[in-house]
């Protein structure tokens, strides 16, 4: 029950990748033989599948190793443009993924000014506070669509609409919403968008950066690596054909099944909350449930150490108490801290996340067992 860290791969995705490994053995950038042509064809088919899910043009899709690389390219890739145009102010939030926070932290040592906006207790940032920071030298606003720890949906629609006619780039990290909030993403106004395939039951090690054209021109993003001209120079390096095929297949499946999946995810969430209410444990939910996706529950079980609970239940239930990228750190969640939640409550908080492949009855049974352990620890 830790899908937000990484979802299990869909067997249909795996089958498509095995076929690619067996039968599409060329380099997609080899143009002198049929092996390269076959590989290039399936890569471009996958690019179209990603574009269809997100309702963008296929030439706006650039494959990367995942959202961390995409976020780095989106932010660091604007550096040359920023310095040339004296636009070195960045606005982002205190609850972004570390791949955004560490990147802007680095740029702050290189002459850039960064404004970090914290959310309130609801887990949402105030769109007016974000937009009030925009000024003439603002280069970029970067806000995640759905927070990976709380599942809280951020006001990216309102922010994007406001920035549409402004000379400011808008980047959305859609890692936790891609394939889930399909219609919502399609309605967004943005310049750049990142996601990882393994969050929507695709393979690890592949993702994409969407660069939307404005008057036929891409955002002035430069590669942060040096190498060949793969992905039109945005991301050099041999294109991993089978991983790209898997990413495309995962997007195709998500587009076909997201409506059905949404109903299933909501049923699981309702069942888990009912189980909580019947358990007798004292709990609170972190973040405003009204703005939370149906696949995530971040809750505080009063008087229970989250570390002790995870260790005591790991043999039958995989949960977390924060982002996987910070799981080796035992410091309190920086996301919950930014929300203003008391440290003692943070240390009693866990994140549970699930997906389309989660069996509702099994999830409820595991959750019931977890709550039994929680009551034992509390006593």
Protein backbone atom coordinates (compact mmCIF):
# COMPACT_ATOMS: atom_id res chain seq x y z
CA UNK A 1 0.00 0.00 0.00
CA UNK A 2 2.74 2.36 -1.07
CA UNK A 3 1.78 3.05 -4.69
CA UNK A 4 2.89 6.68 -4.38
CA UNK A 5 6.46 5.41 -4.00
CA UNK A 6 6.15 3.03 -6.94
CA UNK A 7 3.24 1.11 -8.40
CA UNK A 8 3.63 -2.53 -9.50
CA UNK A 9 4.00 -2.86 -13.25
CA UNK A 10 0.92 -3.80 -15.26
CA UNK A 11 1.42 -7.18 -16.94
CA UNK A 12 0.23 -5.73 -20.25
CA UNK A 13 2.99 -3.15 -19.97
CA UNK A 14 5.54 -5.84 -19.18
CA UNK A 15 4.40 -7.91 -22.18
CA UNK A 16 4.88 -4.93 -24.49
CA UNK A 17 8.38 -4.41 -23.10
CA UNK A 18 9.35 -8.06 -23.49
CA UNK A 19 8.25 -7.91 -27.11
CA UNK A 20 10.37 -4.80 -27.61
CA UNK A 21 13.41 -6.41 -25.98
CA UNK A 22 13.02 -9.48 -28.18
CA UNK A 23 11.95 -7.97 -31.48
CA UNK A 24 12.90 -4.26 -31.55
CA UNK A 25 16.60 -4.64 -30.91
CA UNK A 26 17.93 -1.64 -32.82
CA UNK A 27 19.00 1.84 -31.76
CA UNK A 28 16.13 4.21 -32.47
CA UNK A 29 18.60 6.77 -33.83
CA UNK A 30 20.24 4.37 -36.28
CA UNK A 31 19.05 5.45 -39.72
CA UNK A 32 20.95 3.10 -41.99
CA UNK A 33 19.10 -0.18 -41.47
CA UNK A 34 15.76 -1.78 -40.73
CA UNK A 35 16.60 -2.57 -37.08
CA UNK A 36 16.89 1.13 -36.27
CA UNK A 37 13.74 1.92 -38.23
CA UNK A 38 11.70 -0.64 -36.29
CA UNK A 39 12.95 0.72 -32.99
CA UNK A 40 12.25 4.30 -34.06
CA UNK A 41 8.72 3.37 -35.11
CA UNK A 42 7.76 1.93 -31.72
CA UNK A 43 9.37 4.90 -29.92
CA UNK A 44 7.29 7.31 -31.96
CA UNK A 45 4.18 5.20 -31.36
CA UNK A 46 4.84 5.47 -27.62
CA UNK A 47 5.33 9.22 -27.94
CA UNK A 48 1.87 9.42 -29.53
CA UNK A 49 0.39 7.37 -26.67
CA UNK A 50 1.81 9.79 -24.10
CA UNK A 51 0.61 12.75 -26.14
CA UNK A 52 -2.88 11.28 -26.39
CA UNK A 53 -3.18 10.79 -22.63
CA UNK A 54 -2.11 14.37 -21.94
CA UNK A 55 -3.82 15.91 -25.01
CA UNK A 56 -0.65 17.48 -26.36
CA UNK A 57 1.18 17.19 -29.67
CA UNK A 58 3.60 14.29 -29.97
CA UNK A 59 6.46 16.66 -30.86
CA UNK A 60 5.98 18.23 -27.41
CA UNK A 61 6.86 14.95 -25.64
CA UNK A 62 10.50 14.35 -24.66
CA UNK A 63 11.49 11.10 -22.97
CA UNK A 64 13.75 11.24 -19.89
CA UNK A 65 14.76 8.84 -17.13
CA UNK A 66 11.86 10.08 -15.00
CA UNK A 67 10.42 13.08 -13.22
CA UNK A 68 13.61 13.92 -11.31
CA UNK A 69 15.50 14.41 -14.56
CA UNK A 70 12.52 16.15 -16.17
CA UNK A 71 12.29 18.58 -13.26
CA UNK A 72 16.01 19.31 -13.49
CA UNK A 73 15.84 19.96 -17.22
CA UNK A 74 12.75 22.17 -16.87
CA UNK A 75 14.37 24.35 -14.20
CA UNK A 76 18.10 24.26 -14.90
CA UNK A 77 17.48 24.22 -18.63
CA UNK A 78 16.15 27.79 -18.45
CA UNK A 79 19.34 29.13 -16.90
CA UNK A 80 20.90 30.47 -20.11
CA UNK A 81 17.63 32.23 -21.04
CA UNK A 82 17.32 33.62 -17.51
CA UNK A 83 20.80 35.12 -17.49
CA UNK A 84 20.44 36.55 -20.98
CA UNK A 85 17.15 38.23 -20.10
CA UNK A 86 17.93 39.14 -16.48
CA UNK A 87 15.02 37.06 -15.19
CA UNK A 88 16.48 35.19 -12.22
CA UNK A 89 13.54 34.96 -9.83
CA UNK A 90 11.84 31.60 -9.21
CA UNK A 91 8.66 30.86 -7.26
CA UNK A 92 7.90 27.38 -5.97
CA UNK A 93 6.46 25.74 -2.86
CA UNK A 94 7.97 24.30 0.29
CA UNK A 95 6.27 20.94 -0.35
CA UNK A 96 7.70 20.17 -3.78
CA UNK A 97 9.57 16.98 -4.51
CA UNK A 98 13.26 17.13 -3.60
CA UNK A 99 14.19 17.16 -7.29
CA UNK A 100 12.62 20.62 -7.48
CA UNK A 101 13.66 21.90 -4.05
CA UNK A 102 17.29 20.84 -4.37
CA UNK A 103 17.51 22.24 -7.89
CA UNK A 104 16.24 25.70 -6.91
CA UNK A 105 18.41 25.54 -3.80
CA UNK A 106 21.44 25.06 -6.06
CA UNK A 107 20.37 27.92 -8.33
CA UNK A 108 20.03 30.17 -5.28
CA UNK A 109 23.80 29.78 -4.85
CA UNK A 110 24.26 30.84 -8.47
CA UNK A 111 22.65 34.26 -8.29
CA UNK A 112 18.99 33.28 -8.51
CA UNK A 113 16.40 34.43 -5.99
CA UNK A 114 13.88 31.84 -4.85
CA UNK A 115 10.55 32.36 -3.07
CA UNK A 116 9.23 29.25 -1.29
CA UNK A 117 5.51 29.30 -0.51
CA UNK A 118 4.30 27.15 2.38
CA UNK A 119 0.81 25.64 2.54
CA UNK A 120 -1.57 26.02 5.45
CA UNK A 121 -2.93 23.18 7.56
CA UNK A 122 -5.09 22.03 4.61
CA UNK A 123 -1.97 21.04 2.69
CA UNK A 124 -2.76 23.46 -0.14
CA UNK A 125 -0.77 26.54 -1.01
CA UNK A 126 -2.71 29.77 -1.40
CA UNK A 127 -2.81 30.62 -5.10
CA UNK A 128 -3.07 34.33 -4.31
CA UNK A 129 0.08 34.16 -2.21
CA UNK A 130 1.91 32.39 -5.03
CA UNK A 131 0.77 34.89 -7.62
CA UNK A 132 1.46 37.90 -5.40
CA UNK A 133 5.15 37.03 -5.64
CA UNK A 134 5.23 37.35 -9.44
CA UNK A 135 7.27 40.33 -10.59
CA UNK A 136 8.95 41.66 -13.71
CA UNK A 137 12.08 39.51 -13.32
CA UNK A 138 10.24 36.29 -12.47
CA UNK A 139 11.48 33.48 -14.67
CA UNK A 140 9.48 30.51 -13.49
CA UNK A 141 6.68 29.31 -11.25
CA UNK A 142 6.90 25.60 -10.43
CA UNK A 143 4.06 23.92 -8.51
CA UNK A 144 3.28 20.21 -8.22
CA UNK A 145 -0.21 19.04 -9.17
CA UNK A 146 -0.65 16.50 -6.36
CA UNK A 147 1.57 16.24 -3.32
CA UNK A 148 3.22 12.85 -3.03
CA UNK A 149 2.91 12.62 0.76
CA UNK A 150 -0.56 13.99 1.43
CA UNK A 151 -2.31 13.48 -1.91
CA UNK A 152 -3.54 17.08 -1.74
CA UNK A 153 -4.33 18.67 -5.10
CA UNK A 154 -2.66 22.05 -5.54
CA UNK A 155 -4.32 25.03 -7.32
CA UNK A 156 -2.35 24.61 -10.53
CA UNK A 157 -5.39 25.32 -12.71
CA UNK A 158 -5.87 28.76 -11.17
CA UNK A 159 -2.15 29.54 -11.22
CA UNK A 160 -1.76 28.45 -14.83
CA UNK A 161 -4.77 30.47 -15.96
CA UNK A 162 -3.36 33.60 -14.30
CA UNK A 163 0.08 33.14 -15.88
CA UNK A 164 -1.23 32.50 -19.39
CA UNK A 165 -0.68 36.06 -20.60
CA UNK A 166 2.32 36.75 -18.37
CA UNK A 167 5.96 36.58 -19.43
CA UNK A 168 6.58 33.81 -16.89
CA UNK A 169 7.09 30.09 -17.49
CA UNK A 170 4.89 27.66 -15.56
CA UNK A 171 6.10 24.16 -14.72
CA UNK A 172 3.88 21.44 -13.23
CA UNK A 173 5.24 18.29 -11.62
CA UNK A 174 2.41 15.87 -12.45
CA UNK A 175 4.11 12.75 -11.15
CA UNK A 176 1.28 11.83 -8.76
CA UNK A 177 -1.58 12.94 -11.04
CA UNK A 178 -0.60 11.65 -14.47
CA UNK A 179 -2.96 8.87 -15.48
CA UNK A 180 -5.25 9.62 -12.53
CA UNK A 181 -6.53 13.19 -12.96
CA UNK A 182 -6.66 12.89 -16.73
CA UNK A 183 -9.31 15.47 -17.54
CA UNK A 184 -7.87 17.88 -14.99
CA UNK A 185 -4.40 17.75 -16.57
CA UNK A 186 -5.83 18.24 -20.03
CA UNK A 187 -7.51 21.44 -18.85
CA UNK A 188 -4.32 22.96 -17.40
CA UNK A 189 -2.40 25.87 -18.86
CA UNK A 190 1.33 25.24 -18.49
CA UNK A 191 4.60 25.48 -20.40
CA UNK A 192 6.31 22.40 -18.96
CA UNK A 193 5.08 19.24 -17.26
CA UNK A 194 6.94 16.27 -15.75
CA UNK A 195 5.97 12.70 -14.88
CA UNK A 196 7.41 9.23 -14.20
CA UNK A 197 5.97 6.08 -15.75
CA UNK A 198 6.35 3.90 -12.65
CA UNK A 199 3.72 5.91 -10.76
CA UNK A 200 1.07 4.77 -13.27
CA UNK A 201 2.09 1.09 -13.41
CA UNK A 202 4.74 1.55 -16.06
CA UNK A 203 8.44 0.69 -15.74
CA UNK A 204 10.92 2.46 -13.47
CA UNK A 205 13.64 4.49 -15.16
CA UNK A 206 11.51 6.26 -17.76
CA UNK A 207 9.34 9.36 -17.81
CA UNK A 208 8.76 12.43 -19.88
CA UNK A 209 9.04 16.17 -19.99
CA UNK A 210 6.29 17.95 -21.88
CA UNK A 211 7.37 21.22 -23.50
CA UNK A 212 4.36 23.02 -24.93
CA UNK A 213 4.77 25.19 -27.98
CA UNK A 214 3.75 28.84 -27.88
CA UNK A 215 3.36 30.37 -31.34
CA UNK A 216 5.17 27.33 -32.75
CA UNK A 217 8.16 27.82 -30.41
CA UNK A 218 9.18 25.50 -27.59
CA UNK A 219 10.19 26.95 -24.21
CA UNK A 220 13.89 27.97 -24.41
CA UNK A 221 15.04 24.93 -22.43
CA UNK A 222 18.57 23.66 -22.96
CA UNK A 223 19.89 20.22 -22.10
CA UNK A 224 21.66 19.94 -18.75
CA UNK A 225 23.78 17.06 -20.11
CA UNK A 226 26.21 16.97 -23.01
CA UNK A 227 26.06 14.30 -25.68
CA UNK A 228 24.21 13.49 -28.86
CA UNK A 229 21.09 15.00 -30.37
CA UNK A 230 18.63 12.39 -29.12
CA UNK A 231 15.23 13.80 -28.14
CA UNK A 232 16.08 16.85 -30.28
CA UNK A 233 19.00 17.64 -28.01
CA UNK A 234 16.84 18.05 -24.91
CA UNK A 235 17.98 14.73 -23.41
CA UNK A 236 21.10 13.17 -24.97
CA UNK A 237 21.79 9.46 -24.67
CA UNK A 238 20.54 6.31 -26.35
CA UNK A 239 16.77 6.10 -26.13
CA UNK A 240 15.83 3.01 -24.04
CA UNK A 241 13.38 1.54 -26.52
CA UNK A 242 11.72 -1.08 -24.31
CA UNK A 243 11.29 1.37 -21.42
CA UNK A 244 9.77 3.94 -23.78
CA UNK A 245 7.40 1.28 -25.13
CA UNK A 246 6.38 0.45 -21.56
CA UNK A 247 5.80 4.11 -20.76
CA UNK A 248 3.61 4.50 -23.83
CA UNK A 249 1.62 1.36 -23.04
CA UNK A 250 1.04 2.51 -19.44
CA UNK A 251 -0.28 5.82 -20.77
CA UNK A 252 -2.53 4.05 -23.28
CA UNK A 253 -4.00 1.87 -20.53
CA UNK A 254 -4.48 4.85 -18.21
CA UNK A 255 -6.34 6.75 -20.92
CA UNK A 256 -8.69 3.83 -21.54
CA UNK A 257 -9.30 2.91 -17.90
CA UNK A 258 -8.95 6.03 -15.74
CA UNK A 259 -12.71 6.42 -15.32
CA UNK A 260 -13.14 2.88 -14.07
CA UNK A 261 -10.02 3.19 -11.95
CA UNK A 262 -11.28 6.34 -10.25
CA UNK A 263 -14.40 4.53 -9.02
CA UNK A 264 -12.33 1.63 -7.72
CA UNK A 265 -9.89 3.92 -5.90
CA UNK A 266 -12.74 5.83 -4.25
CA UNK A 267 -14.33 2.57 -3.07
CA UNK A 268 -11.07 1.53 -1.43
CA UNK A 269 -10.65 4.90 0.28
CA UNK A 270 -14.19 4.83 1.64
CA UNK A 271 -13.68 1.27 2.91
CA UNK A 272 -10.44 2.20 4.66
CA UNK A 273 -11.99 5.21 6.38
CA UNK A 274 -14.95 3.09 7.51
CA UNK A 275 -12.46 0.57 8.90
CA UNK A 276 -10.71 3.39 10.74
CA UNK A 277 -13.95 4.65 12.24
CA UNK A 278 -14.90 1.17 13.49
CA UNK A 279 -11.45 0.42 14.89
CA UNK A 280 -11.66 2.68 17.90
CA UNK A 281 -8.23 4.21 17.31
CA UNK A 282 -7.89 7.96 17.73
CA UNK A 283 -6.82 9.46 14.42
CA UNK A 284 -6.83 12.57 12.29
CA UNK A 285 -6.31 13.02 8.55
CA UNK A 286 -3.51 15.30 7.40
CA UNK A 287 -4.72 17.69 4.72
CA UNK A 288 -8.18 18.68 3.57
CA UNK A 289 -10.05 15.56 2.34
CA UNK A 290 -12.05 17.76 -0.04
CA UNK A 291 -8.90 18.35 -2.10
CA UNK A 292 -7.32 14.91 -1.77
CA UNK A 293 -6.97 12.36 -4.55
CA UNK A 294 -8.83 9.09 -4.10
CA UNK A 295 -5.66 6.99 -3.96
CA UNK A 296 -3.91 8.47 -0.93
CA UNK A 297 -4.54 8.74 2.81
CA UNK A 298 -2.10 10.50 5.14
CA UNK A 299 -3.23 9.98 8.69
CA UNK A 300 -2.00 10.49 12.21
CA UNK A 301 -2.73 7.65 14.64
CA UNK A 302 -2.48 9.34 18.01
CA UNK A 303 0.14 7.95 20.38
CA UNK A 304 1.66 5.56 17.85
CA UNK A 305 5.18 5.97 16.47
CA UNK A 306 5.04 5.66 12.70
CA UNK A 307 8.53 4.10 12.67
CA UNK A 308 7.47 1.42 15.15
CA UNK A 309 4.26 0.77 13.23
CA UNK A 310 6.04 0.37 9.90
CA UNK A 311 8.59 -2.02 11.35
CA UNK A 312 5.91 -4.06 13.13
CA UNK A 313 3.72 -4.45 10.05
CA UNK A 314 6.21 -4.63 7.18
CA UNK A 315 5.80 -8.38 6.79
CA UNK A 316 2.22 -7.99 5.55
CA UNK A 317 1.73 -4.31 4.72
CA UNK A 318 3.96 -1.84 2.87
CA UNK A 319 3.33 1.74 4.02
CA UNK A 320 5.51 4.81 4.53
CA UNK A 321 5.76 7.96 6.59
CA UNK A 322 7.02 10.22 3.85
CA UNK A 323 8.46 10.41 0.37
CA UNK A 324 10.55 7.44 -0.77
CA UNK A 325 13.34 9.84 -1.78
CA UNK A 326 13.76 10.84 1.88
CA UNK A 327 12.98 7.48 3.50
CA UNK A 328 16.57 7.00 4.72
CA UNK A 329 16.17 10.12 6.81
CA UNK A 330 14.48 9.85 10.20
CA UNK A 331 13.81 13.58 10.41
CA UNK A 332 10.14 14.63 10.47
CA UNK A 333 8.38 14.97 7.12
CA UNK A 334 9.26 18.33 5.60
CA UNK A 335 5.86 18.39 3.89
CA UNK A 336 3.88 17.98 7.13
CA UNK A 337 6.24 20.40 8.86
CA UNK A 338 5.58 23.02 6.18
CA UNK A 339 1.85 22.57 6.83
CA UNK A 340 2.40 23.61 10.45
CA UNK A 341 1.59 20.21 11.97
CA UNK A 342 3.01 19.57 15.45
CA UNK A 343 6.18 17.45 15.47
CA UNK A 344 4.64 14.86 17.80
CA UNK A 345 1.73 14.40 15.41
CA UNK A 346 4.08 14.17 12.43
CA UNK A 347 5.98 11.35 14.12
CA UNK A 348 2.68 9.48 14.48
CA UNK A 349 1.69 9.97 10.82
CA UNK A 350 1.74 7.41 8.01
CA UNK A 351 0.98 7.52 4.30
CA UNK A 352 -1.12 4.82 2.69
CA UNK A 353 -1.53 4.77 -1.08
CA UNK A 354 -3.09 2.28 -3.48
CA UNK A 355 -3.91 1.81 -7.13
CA UNK A 356 -6.06 0.09 -9.75
CA UNK A 357 -4.47 -3.30 -9.05
CA UNK A 358 -5.19 -3.14 -5.31
CA UNK A 359 -7.79 -5.66 -4.16
CA UNK A 360 -10.25 -3.86 -1.88
CA UNK A 361 -10.91 -6.80 0.44
CA UNK A 362 -7.21 -7.54 0.82
CA UNK A 363 -6.49 -3.87 1.49
CA UNK A 364 -9.14 -3.72 4.20
CA UNK A 365 -7.86 -6.93 5.81
CA UNK A 366 -4.28 -5.66 5.86
CA UNK A 367 -5.43 -2.33 7.22
CA UNK A 368 -7.45 -4.03 9.98
CA UNK A 369 -4.34 -6.00 10.97
CA UNK A 370 -2.27 -2.81 10.92
CA UNK A 371 -4.73 -1.07 13.23
CA UNK A 372 -4.63 -4.00 15.65
CA UNK A 373 -0.86 -3.59 15.83
CA UNK A 374 -1.26 0.16 16.23
CA UNK A 375 -3.51 -0.32 19.26
CA UNK A 376 -0.98 -2.73 20.78
CA UNK A 377 1.81 -0.19 20.32
CA UNK A 378 -0.34 2.58 21.76
CA UNK A 379 -1.04 0.50 24.85
